[in-house]
Amino acid sequence: MENIESVSPYDGKRLGKYKEFSDEDINKVLDKAQQVFPGWKNESVEHRSGLLKKLANALLKNKEFYAQLMSKEMGKPIAQGIAEIEKCAWVCDFYAKNAVRFLADDLIDTEADESFISYDPIGCVLAIMPWNFPFWQVIRFAAPTLTAGNTVILKHASNVPGCAAALQALFLSAGYPQGSFQYVLADHKQLESIIGNSIVQGVTLTGSEKAGRSIAAQAGKHLKKCVMELGGNNACIIWEDADLDKYLDTMVMARMQNTGQSCIAAKRFIVVEAIYEEFLAKFSKRIQTLKSGDPLDKHTDIGVMAREDLAKTLEQQVKDSLDKGAQVKLGNKRDGAYYEPTVLTGVVPGMPAFDEELFGPVAAVVIAKDRQEAIALATSSKFGLGSMLFTEDIKSAREIVGDIPDGAFFINEMVKSDPRLPFGGTKASGFGRELSIEGILEFVNKKTVYIRK
């Protein structure tokens, strides 16, 4: 077994060492999940919902600590980390209020004396989670899945082991039984073994398209239910009547939140020609006001990327786009894991800045001659996570809802996840849904019950 070392991407400080799990350790985790499941699934939904309230209180009580941990391990600006923890508490509160209704038997009128759908837990669900929102991604899955009566094993990203350990301690402190939520530090071979283990009944992954294809194939091989929340190349469509003064901050946040490391970030700004020059000037000027610096400083808007190799990958994607004719309007300097907020112009299909997901603070600006071309460019992507449109013409925006093939379409707002609404993508952005009633029903057995007396 090797040690996993947690290192700050901001200053290189070594934060701690964590031992990789041996095969024996992983088997113990699996056995514990299996042992606790019968008792956990037979607890009332009311009891499980009550624990969510304790979980929310624990999150809010310790939000500064958890935010600091995220800032240190993956470079998130601490003010955004605090907001992330508060959002985690919100999703807990949402399911605490609604889980009993969501999981109630659904009565169906048939020739039977009684017929209904029963929503039963399926068992242990493996969650493979990313580093970019290390608490939110986990809590938004675990809160409904545990409340449905399942158990959870978390395989977190290797650069946030401290967050993984803190999450397990969090659930225990809120009163969840030992074994109901556990984390493992596992390599790819061990992960494949976990997926194949009969104790694991479902798999969820939030990550890249490449990771999703691999994990979905393994889950399919073993006939395991899976949910894939994958990458995105979201378009921010700006029609000629967009109110830039009103929505400019939203547009900037849509690209630069979390130092641009978000699957649902606006990555391609597709601007109708009539408003292009005004948009580019105002957008670039606003980005220049963003404060870069220490993630632990509450005034920092842009921290560092989570790892230096990720910044190097982004740098290469930008270089390849420049080689194909794109131009730098602003930024494009890298220093270690820090990548300066950048605006590219002259971006067209065929460039990485248009075709690929740029996972960092780089905005690709694309000119469209009119509204129709803007929609055509926006939907010209293998990804389908979400699109956003800024316009004062709500009637016309409503008319094109069916033309947007993504999992989400936001008008005059950035694409964002909300506990009250289902979240997920289409095409290379994955399948399945999290949040809302759909999220809590992803990992249940929708059982038909038919009774004649």
Protein backbone atom coordinates (compact mmCIF):
# COMPACT_ATOMS: atom_id res chain seq x y z
CA MET A 1 0.00 0.00 0.00
CA GLU A 2 1.15 3.51 -0.80
CA ASN A 3 0.37 6.78 0.89
CA ILE A 4 -1.81 9.34 -0.84
CA GLU A 5 -0.43 12.77 -0.08
CA SER A 6 -2.73 15.76 -0.02
CA VAL A 7 -0.95 18.84 -1.39
CA SER A 8 -2.17 22.42 -1.71
CA PRO A 9 -2.25 23.52 -5.36
CA TYR A 10 -1.79 27.13 -4.24
CA ASP A 11 1.49 26.95 -2.30
CA GLY A 12 2.55 23.29 -2.55
CA LYS A 13 2.17 22.78 1.19
CA ARG A 14 1.76 19.17 2.24
CA LEU A 15 -1.55 18.86 4.03
CA GLY A 16 -1.57 15.23 5.13
CA LYS A 17 -1.01 11.60 4.26
CA TYR A 18 -3.69 8.99 3.77
CA LYS A 19 -3.12 5.28 3.33
CA GLU A 20 -4.52 3.58 0.27
CA PHE A 21 -6.98 0.87 1.19
CA SER A 22 -5.80 -2.72 0.87
CA ASP A 23 -8.06 -5.31 -0.73
CA GLU A 24 -8.79 -6.53 2.79
CA ASP A 25 -9.76 -3.02 3.89
CA ILE A 26 -12.16 -2.70 0.95
CA ASN A 27 -13.74 -6.07 1.70
CA LYS A 28 -14.36 -4.92 5.27
CA VAL A 29 -16.09 -1.78 3.95
CA LEU A 30 -18.26 -3.87 1.63
CA ASP A 31 -19.14 -6.32 4.40
CA LYS A 32 -20.05 -3.49 6.76
CA ALA A 33 -22.32 -1.93 4.13
CA GLN A 34 -24.05 -5.27 3.68
CA GLN A 35 -24.45 -5.84 7.41
CA VAL A 36 -26.02 -2.47 8.13
CA PHE A 37 -28.40 -2.48 5.14
CA PRO A 38 -31.23 -4.70 6.50
CA GLY A 39 -31.65 -2.60 9.62
CA TRP A 40 -31.21 0.70 7.79
CA LYS A 41 -33.79 -0.04 5.08
CA ASN A 42 -36.35 -0.98 7.73
CA GLU A 43 -36.01 2.33 9.53
CA SER A 44 -38.94 4.59 8.77
CA VAL A 45 -38.52 7.29 6.15
CA GLU A 46 -39.44 9.76 8.89
CA HIS A 47 -36.45 8.62 10.94
CA ARG A 48 -34.08 8.83 8.03
CA SER A 49 -35.43 12.28 7.12
CA GLY A 50 -34.83 13.42 10.68
CA LEU A 51 -31.15 12.59 10.33
CA LEU A 52 -31.00 14.91 7.32
CA LYS A 53 -31.93 17.80 9.59
CA LYS A 54 -29.03 16.92 11.89
CA LEU A 55 -26.75 16.65 8.85
CA ALA A 56 -27.77 20.13 7.69
CA ASN A 57 -27.11 21.57 11.14
CA ALA A 58 -23.67 19.94 11.30
CA LEU A 59 -22.80 21.32 7.86
CA LEU A 60 -23.77 24.87 8.81
CA LYS A 61 -22.06 24.67 12.19
CA ASN A 62 -18.77 23.64 10.57
CA LYS A 63 -19.01 25.46 7.23
CA GLU A 64 -15.85 27.52 7.77
CA PHE A 65 -13.84 24.37 8.51
CA TYR A 66 -15.15 22.50 5.47
CA ALA A 67 -14.64 25.53 3.21
CA GLN A 68 -11.04 25.88 4.41
CA LEU A 69 -10.47 22.21 3.70
CA MET A 70 -11.69 22.63 0.11
CA SER A 71 -9.57 25.76 -0.34
CA LYS A 72 -6.47 23.94 0.83
CA GLU A 73 -6.98 20.69 -1.05
CA MET A 74 -8.28 21.91 -4.42
CA GLY A 75 -7.94 25.70 -4.43
CA LYS A 76 -11.58 26.80 -4.22
CA PRO A 77 -11.99 30.45 -3.16
CA ILE A 78 -13.19 30.19 0.43
CA ALA A 79 -16.25 32.41 -0.01
CA GLN A 80 -17.41 30.03 -2.74
CA GLY A 81 -16.62 27.09 -0.46
CA ILE A 82 -18.86 28.49 2.27
CA ALA A 83 -21.63 28.93 -0.31
CA GLU A 84 -21.12 25.30 -1.37
CA ILE A 85 -21.61 24.06 2.20
CA GLU A 86 -24.71 26.19 2.61
CA LYS A 87 -26.10 24.67 -0.59
CA CYS A 88 -25.40 21.20 0.84
CA ALA A 89 -27.50 22.11 3.87
CA TRP A 90 -30.25 23.29 1.51
CA VAL A 91 -30.44 19.94 -0.30
CA CYS A 92 -30.61 18.16 3.07
CA ASP A 93 -33.45 20.42 4.15
CA PHE A 94 -35.27 19.85 0.84
CA TYR A 95 -35.27 16.07 1.18
CA ALA A 96 -36.03 16.24 4.91
CA LYS A 97 -39.24 18.06 3.98
CA ASN A 98 -40.17 16.02 0.91
CA ALA A 99 -38.77 12.47 1.17
CA VAL A 100 -41.81 10.99 2.90
CA ARG A 101 -44.04 12.24 0.08
CA PHE A 102 -41.58 11.22 -2.65
CA LEU A 103 -41.24 7.67 -1.33
CA ALA A 104 -44.89 7.06 -0.48
CA ASP A 105 -46.63 4.18 -2.24
CA ASP A 106 -48.16 5.33 -5.52
CA LEU A 107 -51.72 3.99 -5.71
CA ILE A 108 -52.83 2.86 -9.18
CA ASP A 109 -56.45 2.14 -10.10
CA THR A 110 -56.74 -1.32 -11.74
CA GLU A 111 -59.08 -4.34 -11.58
CA ALA A 112 -57.25 -5.44 -8.40
CA ASP A 113 -58.62 -4.80 -4.92
CA GLU A 114 -55.39 -2.93 -4.34
CA SER A 115 -52.50 -2.10 -6.64
CA PHE A 116 -49.64 0.30 -6.14
CA ILE A 117 -45.98 1.03 -6.78
CA SER A 118 -43.67 0.52 -3.81
CA TYR A 119 -40.35 2.36 -3.83
CA ASP A 120 -37.86 0.08 -2.10
CA PRO A 121 -34.12 0.62 -1.53
CA ILE A 122 -31.84 -1.57 -3.64
CA GLY A 123 -28.83 -1.89 -1.32
CA CYS A 124 -25.31 -0.50 -1.52
CA VAL A 125 -24.57 2.21 -4.11
CA LEU A 126 -21.04 3.13 -5.14
CA ALA A 127 -20.44 6.86 -5.74
CA ILE A 128 -17.40 7.94 -7.76
CA MET A 129 -17.07 11.67 -7.25
CA PRO A 130 -14.89 14.54 -8.55
CA TRP A 131 -12.77 17.17 -6.86
CA ASN A 132 -14.35 20.37 -8.23
CA PHE A 133 -17.29 20.51 -5.80
CA PRO A 134 -16.02 17.98 -3.26
CA PHE A 135 -18.90 18.37 -0.79
CA TRP A 136 -21.83 19.34 -3.00
CA GLN A 137 -21.39 16.54 -5.53
CA VAL A 138 -21.35 13.97 -2.73
CA ILE A 139 -24.15 15.40 -0.56
CA ARG A 140 -26.56 15.97 -3.45
CA PHE A 141 -26.32 12.25 -4.24
CA ALA A 142 -25.95 10.82 -0.75
CA ALA A 143 -28.76 12.75 0.95
CA PRO A 144 -31.57 11.30 -1.19
CA THR A 145 -29.93 7.91 -1.71
CA LEU A 146 -29.44 7.27 2.01
CA THR A 147 -32.89 8.62 2.80
CA ALA A 148 -34.35 6.10 0.34
CA GLY A 149 -32.83 3.40 2.56
CA ASN A 150 -29.68 2.54 0.63
CA THR A 151 -26.10 2.51 1.89
CA VAL A 152 -23.28 4.42 0.22
CA ILE A 153 -19.61 3.79 -0.52
CA LEU A 154 -17.72 6.87 -1.69
CA LYS A 155 -14.70 6.73 -3.98
CA HIS A 156 -13.64 10.36 -4.04
CA ALA A 157 -11.05 12.00 -6.29
CA SER A 158 -7.50 11.21 -5.18
CA ASN A 159 -6.56 14.88 -4.64
CA VAL A 160 -9.27 15.46 -1.99
CA PRO A 161 -8.76 12.62 0.50
CA GLY A 162 -9.24 15.01 3.41
CA CYS A 163 -12.69 15.93 2.11
CA ALA A 164 -13.57 12.23 1.78
CA ALA A 165 -12.57 11.53 5.37
CA ALA A 166 -14.40 14.64 6.61
CA LEU A 167 -17.59 13.56 4.81
CA GLN A 168 -17.59 10.15 6.48
CA ALA A 169 -17.05 11.79 9.88
CA LEU A 170 -19.86 14.24 9.09
CA PHE A 171 -22.45 11.50 8.51
CA LEU A 172 -21.39 9.67 11.66
CA SER A 173 -21.63 12.86 13.71
CA ALA A 174 -25.19 13.38 12.43
CA GLY A 175 -26.23 9.97 13.77
CA TYR A 176 -26.07 7.79 10.67
CA PRO A 177 -25.22 4.18 11.58
CA GLN A 178 -21.69 2.84 11.12
CA GLY A 179 -21.39 1.41 7.64
CA SER A 180 -24.21 3.39 6.05
CA PHE A 181 -21.78 5.94 4.54
CA GLN A 182 -18.15 4.93 4.04
CA TYR A 183 -15.29 6.12 1.88
CA VAL A 184 -12.49 4.16 0.25
CA LEU A 185 -9.16 5.18 -1.25
CA ALA A 186 -8.94 2.74 -4.13
CA ASP A 187 -7.03 2.40 -7.39
CA HIS A 188 -8.59 1.61 -10.78
CA LYS A 189 -8.18 -2.15 -10.41
CA GLN A 190 -9.78 -2.13 -6.96
CA LEU A 191 -12.58 0.08 -8.24
CA GLU A 192 -13.39 -2.43 -10.96
CA SER A 193 -13.52 -5.14 -8.30
CA ILE A 194 -15.90 -3.08 -6.16
CA ILE A 195 -18.26 -2.54 -9.11
CA GLY A 196 -18.27 -6.26 -9.79
CA ASN A 197 -18.95 -7.20 -6.17
CA SER A 198 -22.48 -8.53 -5.63
CA ILE A 199 -22.93 -6.29 -2.58
CA VAL A 200 -22.88 -3.21 -4.81
CA GLN A 201 -26.24 -2.78 -6.54
CA GLY A 202 -25.76 0.56 -8.29
CA VAL A 203 -23.09 2.99 -9.42
CA THR A 204 -23.15 6.75 -9.86
CA LEU A 205 -20.34 8.82 -11.31
CA THR A 206 -19.80 12.53 -11.72
CA GLY A 207 -16.77 13.10 -13.89
CA SER A 208 -15.37 13.27 -17.39
CA GLU A 209 -16.80 11.70 -20.51
CA LYS A 210 -13.82 9.32 -20.62
CA ALA A 211 -14.37 8.18 -17.04
CA GLY A 212 -18.09 7.83 -17.69
CA ARG A 213 -17.62 5.57 -20.68
CA SER A 214 -15.28 3.33 -18.67
CA ILE A 215 -17.42 3.09 -15.53
CA ALA A 216 -20.69 2.70 -17.46
CA ALA A 217 -19.14 -0.18 -19.41
CA GLN A 218 -18.08 -1.89 -16.19
CA ALA A 219 -21.49 -1.36 -14.60
CA GLY A 220 -23.18 -2.67 -17.74
CA LYS A 221 -20.98 -5.74 -17.75
CA HIS A 222 -22.34 -6.61 -14.30
CA LEU A 223 -25.91 -5.41 -15.03
CA LYS A 224 -25.71 -2.70 -12.38
CA LYS A 225 -27.97 0.36 -12.53
CA CYS A 226 -25.89 3.49 -13.09
CA VAL A 227 -26.22 7.26 -13.33
CA MET A 228 -23.62 9.23 -15.30
CA GLU A 229 -23.18 12.98 -14.71
CA LEU A 230 -20.45 13.84 -17.20
CA GLY A 231 -18.77 16.80 -18.84
CA GLY A 232 -20.34 19.74 -20.56
CA ASN A 233 -19.60 22.43 -23.14
CA ASN A 234 -22.46 24.72 -22.25
CA ALA A 235 -23.40 27.51 -24.60
CA CYS A 236 -24.28 30.96 -23.35
CA ILE A 237 -26.38 32.38 -26.19
CA ILE A 238 -26.67 36.16 -26.33
CA TRP A 239 -29.30 37.58 -28.65
CA GLU A 240 -29.15 41.15 -29.91
CA ASP A 241 -31.72 42.40 -27.37
CA ALA A 242 -29.96 41.00 -24.28
CA ASP A 243 -29.80 43.37 -21.30
CA LEU A 244 -26.03 43.30 -20.74
CA ASP A 245 -26.05 45.81 -17.90
CA LYS A 246 -28.56 43.68 -15.99
CA TYR A 247 -27.07 40.25 -16.64
CA LEU A 248 -23.35 40.83 -17.19
CA ASP A 249 -22.36 39.70 -13.69
CA THR A 250 -24.39 36.52 -14.19
CA MET A 251 -22.58 35.83 -17.46
CA VAL A 252 -19.18 36.33 -15.86
CA MET A 253 -20.08 34.14 -12.90
CA ALA A 254 -21.36 31.48 -15.30
CA ARG A 255 -17.84 31.11 -16.70
CA MET A 256 -15.53 32.01 -13.80
CA GLN A 257 -17.19 30.45 -10.74
CA ASN A 258 -14.93 27.88 -9.07
CA THR A 259 -12.06 29.17 -11.24
CA GLY A 260 -13.96 27.93 -14.28
CA GLN A 261 -13.87 24.31 -13.09
CA SER A 262 -17.52 23.38 -13.42
CA CYS A 263 -19.24 21.00 -15.81
CA ILE A 264 -22.21 23.35 -16.10
CA ALA A 265 -20.14 26.51 -16.63
CA ALA A 266 -20.79 28.64 -19.70
CA LYS A 267 -17.88 27.72 -21.93
CA ARG A 268 -18.94 28.97 -25.38
CA PHE A 269 -20.37 32.50 -25.53
CA ILE A 270 -22.31 32.58 -28.79
CA VAL A 271 -23.11 36.21 -29.51
CA VAL A 272 -25.32 37.65 -32.24
CA GLU A 273 -23.24 39.98 -34.40
CA ALA A 274 -25.35 43.07 -33.69
CA ILE A 275 -24.37 43.06 -29.99
CA TYR A 276 -20.95 41.41 -30.29
CA GLU A 277 -18.68 44.45 -29.88
CA GLU A 278 -20.65 45.80 -26.92
CA PHE A 279 -20.69 42.39 -25.24
CA LEU A 280 -16.97 41.77 -25.77
CA ALA A 281 -15.98 45.16 -24.36
CA LYS A 282 -18.18 44.94 -21.26
CA PHE A 283 -17.49 41.25 -20.62
CA SER A 284 -13.71 41.67 -20.85
CA LYS A 285 -13.74 44.78 -18.66
CA ARG A 286 -15.74 42.97 -15.96
CA ILE A 287 -13.43 39.95 -16.01
CA GLN A 288 -10.45 42.25 -15.46
CA THR A 289 -11.96 43.30 -12.12
CA LEU A 290 -11.88 39.75 -10.74
CA LYS A 291 -9.41 39.37 -7.89
CA SER A 292 -6.94 36.50 -8.16
CA GLY A 293 -5.03 35.28 -5.13
CA ASP A 294 -4.95 33.09 -2.06
CA PRO A 295 -8.03 30.82 -1.98
CA LEU A 296 -8.22 31.34 1.80
CA ASP A 297 -8.75 35.10 1.32
CA LYS A 298 -12.49 35.83 1.38
CA HIS A 299 -12.01 38.57 -1.23
CA THR A 300 -10.51 36.17 -3.79
CA ASP A 301 -12.62 35.51 -6.89
CA ILE A 302 -10.12 33.35 -8.81
CA GLY A 303 -7.93 30.91 -6.93
CA VAL A 304 -5.81 28.25 -8.56
CA MET A 305 -6.81 25.23 -10.58
CA ALA A 306 -6.96 22.02 -8.62
CA ARG A 307 -3.68 20.63 -10.02
CA GLU A 308 -0.87 21.95 -12.17
CA ASP A 309 -1.35 19.20 -14.77
CA LEU A 310 -4.93 20.40 -15.29
CA ALA A 311 -3.68 23.93 -15.92
CA LYS A 312 -1.16 22.56 -18.42
CA THR A 313 -3.90 20.67 -20.26
CA LEU A 314 -5.96 23.85 -20.49
CA GLU A 315 -2.91 25.75 -21.72
CA GLN A 316 -2.41 23.22 -24.52
CA GLN A 317 -6.07 23.40 -25.57
CA VAL A 318 -5.79 27.18 -25.82
CA LYS A 319 -2.52 26.93 -27.78
CA ASP A 320 -4.07 24.48 -30.22
CA SER A 321 -7.02 26.86 -30.69
CA LEU A 322 -4.68 29.80 -31.31
CA ASP A 323 -2.77 27.75 -33.86
CA LYS A 324 -6.09 27.28 -35.70
CA GLY A 325 -6.87 31.00 -35.78
CA ALA A 326 -8.38 32.01 -32.43
CA GLN A 327 -7.10 35.22 -30.82
CA VAL A 328 -6.43 36.22 -27.22
CA LYS A 329 -8.51 39.18 -26.13
CA LEU A 330 -7.49 38.94 -22.49
CA GLY A 331 -5.26 36.87 -20.22
CA ASN A 332 -3.69 33.53 -21.19
CA LYS A 333 -0.85 33.35 -18.70
CA ARG A 334 -0.12 30.32 -16.54
CA ASP A 335 1.99 30.14 -13.38
CA GLY A 336 2.01 26.66 -11.91
CA ALA A 337 -1.59 25.75 -11.13
CA TYR A 338 -2.73 29.36 -11.61
CA TYR A 339 -4.34 30.21 -14.93
CA GLU A 340 -5.19 33.81 -15.61
CA PRO A 341 -8.82 34.51 -16.56
CA THR A 342 -8.80 34.44 -20.34
CA VAL A 343 -11.06 35.52 -23.19
CA LEU A 344 -10.61 34.05 -26.67
CA THR A 345 -12.18 35.51 -29.79
CA GLY A 346 -12.42 34.22 -33.34
CA VAL A 347 -13.44 30.80 -32.05
CA VAL A 348 -15.14 28.54 -34.60
CA PRO A 349 -16.05 24.85 -34.86
CA GLY A 350 -13.01 22.66 -35.34
CA MET A 351 -11.03 24.35 -32.58
CA PRO A 352 -10.60 22.77 -29.13
CA ALA A 353 -12.08 25.96 -27.64
CA PHE A 354 -15.32 25.20 -29.49
CA ASP A 355 -15.42 21.40 -29.66
CA GLU A 356 -13.91 20.36 -26.32
CA GLU A 357 -14.63 21.09 -22.69
CA LEU A 358 -12.22 23.76 -21.40
CA PHE A 359 -12.19 23.04 -17.68
CA GLY A 360 -10.79 26.28 -16.34
CA PRO A 361 -11.15 30.09 -16.53
CA VAL A 362 -11.19 30.47 -20.32
CA ALA A 363 -14.19 31.95 -22.16
CA ALA A 364 -14.53 31.20 -25.88
CA VAL A 365 -16.46 33.92 -27.73
CA VAL A 366 -18.18 32.98 -30.99
CA ILE A 367 -19.93 35.32 -33.45
CA ALA A 368 -23.28 34.35 -34.94
CA LYS A 369 -24.85 36.38 -37.73
CA ASP A 370 -28.38 36.05 -36.32
CA ARG A 371 -30.55 34.22 -33.79
CA GLN A 372 -30.96 31.14 -35.95
CA GLU A 373 -27.24 30.67 -36.44
CA ALA A 374 -26.68 31.22 -32.71
CA ILE A 375 -29.00 28.32 -31.88
CA ALA A 376 -27.41 26.14 -34.57
CA LEU A 377 -23.93 26.80 -33.19
CA ALA A 378 -25.04 26.26 -29.60
CA THR A 379 -26.54 22.86 -30.35
CA SER A 380 -23.58 21.81 -32.51
CA SER A 381 -21.88 19.87 -29.72
CA LYS A 382 -21.49 16.27 -28.66
CA PHE A 383 -22.32 17.42 -25.12
CA GLY A 384 -25.81 18.11 -23.80
CA LEU A 385 -25.64 19.27 -20.20
CA GLY A 386 -27.22 22.70 -20.43
CA SER A 387 -27.64 25.91 -22.40
CA MET A 388 -28.48 29.45 -21.36
CA LEU A 389 -30.03 32.24 -23.39
CA PHE A 390 -30.07 35.96 -22.62
CA THR A 391 -32.84 37.93 -24.30
CA GLU A 392 -35.77 40.23 -23.59
CA ASP A 393 -37.88 38.28 -26.10
CA ILE A 394 -39.26 35.60 -23.78
CA LYS A 395 -41.97 34.60 -26.27
CA SER A 396 -39.40 33.63 -28.91
CA ALA A 397 -37.21 31.97 -26.26
CA ARG A 398 -40.12 29.75 -25.21
CA GLU A 399 -40.72 28.73 -28.82
CA ILE A 400 -37.24 27.20 -29.13
CA VAL A 401 -37.30 25.14 -25.93
CA GLY A 402 -37.87 22.01 -27.98
CA ASP A 403 -34.90 22.84 -30.22
CA ILE A 404 -32.44 22.67 -27.29
CA PRO A 405 -31.47 18.98 -26.86
CA ASP A 406 -29.78 19.48 -23.47
CA GLY A 407 -30.75 18.43 -19.98
CA ALA A 408 -31.38 22.06 -19.01
CA PHE A 409 -32.27 25.35 -20.68
CA PHE A 410 -32.04 28.52 -18.59
CA ILE A 411 -33.33 31.87 -19.86
CA ASN A 412 -31.72 35.00 -18.40
CA GLU A 413 -29.92 32.92 -15.76
CA MET A 414 -26.82 30.75 -15.58
CA VAL A 415 -27.29 27.00 -15.63
CA LYS A 416 -27.15 25.77 -12.04
CA SER A 417 -28.31 22.85 -9.96
CA ASP A 418 -31.27 23.32 -7.64
CA PRO A 419 -32.59 20.67 -5.21
CA ARG A 420 -36.14 21.33 -6.44
CA LEU A 421 -35.33 20.59 -10.09
CA PRO A 422 -33.90 17.49 -11.79
CA PHE A 423 -30.29 17.75 -12.92
CA GLY A 424 -28.55 15.76 -15.64
CA GLY A 425 -27.48 15.69 -19.25
CA THR A 426 -27.94 14.12 -22.65
CA LYS A 427 -25.55 12.81 -25.32
CA ALA A 428 -21.92 12.76 -24.09
CA SER A 429 -22.98 14.55 -20.91
CA GLY A 430 -24.43 11.32 -19.56
CA PHE A 431 -27.78 9.95 -18.45
CA GLY A 432 -29.93 9.68 -15.38
CA ARG A 433 -30.98 12.49 -13.05
CA GLU A 434 -30.06 13.80 -9.64
CA LEU A 435 -32.07 16.07 -7.31
CA SER A 436 -35.83 16.64 -7.10
CA ILE A 437 -38.08 13.56 -6.95
CA GLU A 438 -36.19 12.00 -9.89
CA GLY A 439 -32.96 11.92 -7.89
CA ILE A 440 -34.36 10.03 -4.92
CA LEU A 441 -36.05 7.50 -7.23
CA GLU A 442 -32.94 6.68 -9.31
CA PHE A 443 -31.71 4.00 -6.91
CA VAL A 444 -34.92 2.36 -5.77
CA ASN A 445 -36.80 -0.71 -6.92
CA LYS A 446 -40.06 0.56 -8.38
CA LYS A 447 -42.02 -2.50 -7.42
CA THR A 448 -45.47 -3.29 -8.74
CA VAL A 449 -47.77 -4.69 -6.03
CA TYR A 450 -51.08 -6.27 -7.08
CA ILE A 451 -53.55 -7.62 -4.49
CA ARG A 452 -56.80 -9.54 -4.90
CA LYS A 453 -58.71 -10.44 -1.80
